[in-house]
């Protein structure tokens, strides 16, 4: 069994995570001072492009720690570190189930919408339990922040995915990882 990590994939994932961190930093708050997590889109893009457990784990942990450093949400530091790996592996499972029944062009926005809803639910649940905000706080934040963020992330993925997919084909990163997956 081949357990090596491809350096080109790691560099590409690092670029995606860095872009996500930059987008997360410059994104203005929308409601109640809460900022949509655009780094989540880049993490999901990495999971969609390189759906292997070891890449998913690395991308989700890196995204979780960087999001924890940049969040302004009370209790968001712990929530980001816990939520990102859980969300990433749920997304990986969804990809494995759905990839046979739909094209990657449709899969990417679908996974992004579902993943953002799951991510937002987990993210809000952790501070609600820790800080005792109550179900009313959860419902208001979910409706006012998570749902618009899911829409924003889905639109962003619809635009970004074809561009990034074209880049990976031209650089032969996707072909390399596909061949490694078949060999493993």
Protein backbone atom coordinates (compact mmCIF):
# COMPACT_ATOMS: atom_id res chain seq x y z
CA UNK A 1 0.00 0.00 0.00
CA UNK A 2 1.39 3.38 -1.03
CA UNK A 3 1.25 5.81 1.91
CA UNK A 4 3.37 8.59 0.39
CA UNK A 5 2.00 12.07 0.05
CA UNK A 6 2.55 13.80 -3.29
CA UNK A 7 4.44 17.06 -2.75
CA UNK A 8 2.63 18.74 -5.65
CA UNK A 9 -0.73 17.95 -4.08
CA UNK A 10 0.45 19.24 -0.70
CA UNK A 11 1.63 22.50 -2.29
CA UNK A 12 -1.68 22.86 -4.14
CA UNK A 13 -3.65 22.20 -0.95
CA UNK A 14 -1.49 24.75 0.86
CA UNK A 15 -2.29 27.33 -1.80
CA UNK A 16 -6.01 26.63 -1.48
CA UNK A 17 -5.84 26.91 2.31
CA UNK A 18 -3.86 30.15 2.05
CA UNK A 19 -6.36 31.61 -0.41
CA UNK A 20 -9.17 30.54 1.92
CA UNK A 21 -7.48 32.22 4.88
CA UNK A 22 -7.02 35.44 2.89
CA UNK A 23 -10.66 35.41 1.76
CA UNK A 24 -11.79 34.70 5.33
CA UNK A 25 -9.73 37.61 6.62
CA UNK A 26 -11.01 40.20 4.14
CA UNK A 27 -14.67 39.07 4.14
CA UNK A 28 -16.79 41.61 6.03
CA UNK A 29 -19.25 40.47 8.73
CA UNK A 30 -22.81 40.07 7.50
CA UNK A 31 -25.25 39.72 10.41
CA UNK A 32 -24.55 40.09 14.15
CA UNK A 33 -20.88 40.63 13.31
CA UNK A 34 -20.51 37.05 12.08
CA UNK A 35 -18.29 36.50 9.04
CA UNK A 36 -19.02 33.70 6.54
CA UNK A 37 -16.22 31.13 6.49
CA UNK A 38 -14.87 31.28 2.95
CA UNK A 39 -11.91 29.11 3.95
CA UNK A 40 -14.47 26.31 4.09
CA UNK A 41 -14.99 26.60 0.31
CA UNK A 42 -11.27 26.14 -0.32
CA UNK A 43 -11.11 23.18 2.06
CA UNK A 44 -14.06 21.58 0.26
CA UNK A 45 -12.40 22.27 -3.08
CA UNK A 46 -9.31 20.45 -1.83
CA UNK A 47 -11.41 17.49 -0.67
CA UNK A 48 -13.26 17.34 -4.00
CA UNK A 49 -10.03 17.50 -6.03
CA UNK A 50 -8.03 15.11 -3.84
CA UNK A 51 -10.48 12.75 -2.10
CA UNK A 52 -7.99 10.68 -0.11
CA UNK A 53 -8.16 10.36 3.65
CA UNK A 54 -4.64 11.60 4.36
CA UNK A 55 -5.06 14.73 2.22
CA UNK A 56 -8.49 15.38 3.72
CA UNK A 57 -7.08 15.09 7.25
CA UNK A 58 -4.20 17.47 6.56
CA UNK A 59 -6.36 20.03 4.74
CA UNK A 60 -9.08 19.96 7.39
CA UNK A 61 -6.70 20.31 10.34
CA UNK A 62 -4.79 23.15 8.68
CA UNK A 63 -8.04 24.92 7.76
CA UNK A 64 -9.43 24.36 11.25
CA UNK A 65 -6.40 25.86 12.98
CA UNK A 66 -6.17 28.83 10.61
CA UNK A 67 -9.91 29.49 10.94
CA UNK A 68 -9.53 29.28 14.72
CA UNK A 69 -6.89 32.00 14.58
CA UNK A 70 -9.03 34.33 12.47
CA UNK A 71 -12.51 33.81 13.95
CA UNK A 72 -14.26 36.50 15.93
CA UNK A 73 -17.12 34.27 17.06
CA UNK A 74 -17.16 33.55 20.83
CA UNK A 75 -16.11 29.92 21.29
CA UNK A 76 -15.27 29.71 17.59
CA UNK A 77 -11.66 28.72 18.17
CA UNK A 78 -12.56 25.35 19.65
CA UNK A 79 -15.50 24.93 17.29
CA UNK A 80 -13.34 25.44 14.17
CA UNK A 81 -10.72 22.91 15.26
CA UNK A 82 -13.37 20.28 16.00
CA UNK A 83 -15.78 21.06 13.16
CA UNK A 84 -13.46 21.20 10.13
CA UNK A 85 -12.19 17.58 10.26
CA UNK A 86 -15.69 16.24 10.98
CA UNK A 87 -17.13 18.21 8.08
CA UNK A 88 -14.28 17.23 5.74
CA UNK A 89 -14.75 13.51 6.35
CA UNK A 90 -18.53 13.78 5.96
CA UNK A 91 -17.87 15.54 2.64
CA UNK A 92 -15.44 12.76 1.66
CA UNK A 93 -18.14 10.18 2.40
CA UNK A 94 -20.69 12.12 0.35
CA UNK A 95 -18.25 12.34 -2.55
CA UNK A 96 -17.71 8.57 -2.49
CA UNK A 97 -21.48 8.01 -2.52
CA UNK A 98 -22.45 10.66 -5.08
CA UNK A 99 -19.51 10.64 -7.53
CA UNK A 100 -20.90 7.69 -9.47
CA UNK A 101 -24.31 9.27 -9.97
CA UNK A 102 -23.42 12.85 -11.01
CA UNK A 103 -20.77 14.75 -12.91
CA UNK A 104 -18.02 16.62 -11.05
CA UNK A 105 -19.47 19.90 -12.38
CA UNK A 106 -22.72 19.19 -10.49
CA UNK A 107 -21.06 17.37 -7.61
CA UNK A 108 -18.88 20.31 -6.50
CA UNK A 109 -21.71 22.82 -5.84
CA UNK A 110 -23.97 20.11 -4.39
CA UNK A 111 -21.28 18.98 -1.96
CA UNK A 112 -20.53 22.61 -1.10
CA UNK A 113 -24.14 23.41 -0.25
CA UNK A 114 -24.58 20.29 1.87
CA UNK A 115 -21.13 20.65 3.44
CA UNK A 116 -21.70 24.28 4.41
CA UNK A 117 -25.03 23.43 6.05
CA UNK A 118 -23.39 20.58 7.99
CA UNK A 119 -20.36 22.70 8.88
CA UNK A 120 -22.50 25.59 10.09
CA UNK A 121 -24.66 23.28 12.18
CA UNK A 122 -21.66 21.65 13.86
CA UNK A 123 -19.89 25.00 14.29
CA UNK A 124 -22.90 26.60 16.00
CA UNK A 125 -23.76 23.53 18.06
CA UNK A 126 -20.39 23.50 19.85
CA UNK A 127 -20.55 27.07 21.28
CA UNK A 128 -24.27 26.69 22.04
CA UNK A 129 -23.49 23.63 24.17
CA UNK A 130 -20.33 25.13 25.74
CA UNK A 131 -21.73 28.63 26.33
CA UNK A 132 -25.37 27.68 26.83
CA UNK A 133 -26.85 30.10 24.28
CA UNK A 134 -29.97 27.96 23.98
CA UNK A 135 -31.85 26.70 20.96
CA UNK A 136 -33.18 30.16 20.10
CA UNK A 137 -29.63 31.44 19.54
CA UNK A 138 -28.83 28.44 17.37
CA UNK A 139 -31.94 28.85 15.20
CA UNK A 140 -31.43 32.58 14.68
CA UNK A 141 -27.74 32.19 13.79
CA UNK A 142 -28.38 29.20 11.54
CA UNK A 143 -31.10 31.01 9.60
CA UNK A 144 -29.32 34.37 9.41
CA UNK A 145 -25.71 33.27 8.87
CA UNK A 146 -25.43 29.61 7.81
CA UNK A 147 -28.13 29.64 5.12
CA UNK A 148 -26.81 32.79 3.36
CA UNK A 149 -23.27 31.44 3.69
CA UNK A 150 -24.34 28.15 2.09
CA UNK A 151 -25.76 30.09 -0.85
CA UNK A 152 -22.63 32.27 -1.13
CA UNK A 153 -20.29 29.26 -0.90
CA UNK A 154 -22.29 27.32 -3.51
CA UNK A 155 -22.17 30.21 -5.99
CA UNK A 156 -18.45 30.68 -5.32
CA UNK A 157 -17.76 26.96 -5.88
CA UNK A 158 -19.80 27.01 -9.10
CA UNK A 159 -17.50 29.75 -10.42
CA UNK A 160 -14.18 28.58 -8.96
CA UNK A 161 -14.36 24.80 -9.49
CA UNK A 162 -14.17 24.75 -13.32
CA UNK A 163 -11.23 27.17 -13.24
CA UNK A 164 -9.30 25.15 -10.66
CA UNK A 165 -10.17 21.87 -12.38
CA UNK A 166 -8.68 23.25 -15.60
CA UNK A 167 -5.52 24.29 -13.74
CA UNK A 168 -5.09 20.84 -12.19
CA UNK A 169 -5.51 19.18 -15.59
CA UNK A 170 -2.92 21.46 -17.18
CA UNK A 171 -0.44 20.87 -14.38
CA UNK A 172 -1.17 17.13 -14.37
CA UNK A 173 -1.78 17.11 -10.63
CA UNK A 174 -5.19 15.45 -10.95
CA UNK A 175 -3.86 12.77 -13.32
CA UNK A 176 -1.02 11.98 -10.95
CA UNK A 177 -3.34 11.53 -7.97
CA UNK A 178 -5.82 9.48 -10.03
CA UNK A 179 -3.02 7.11 -11.05
CA UNK A 180 -1.85 6.82 -7.44
CA UNK A 181 -5.39 6.05 -6.30
CA UNK A 182 -5.71 3.25 -8.88
CA UNK A 183 -2.32 1.81 -7.89
CA UNK A 184 -3.09 1.84 -4.15
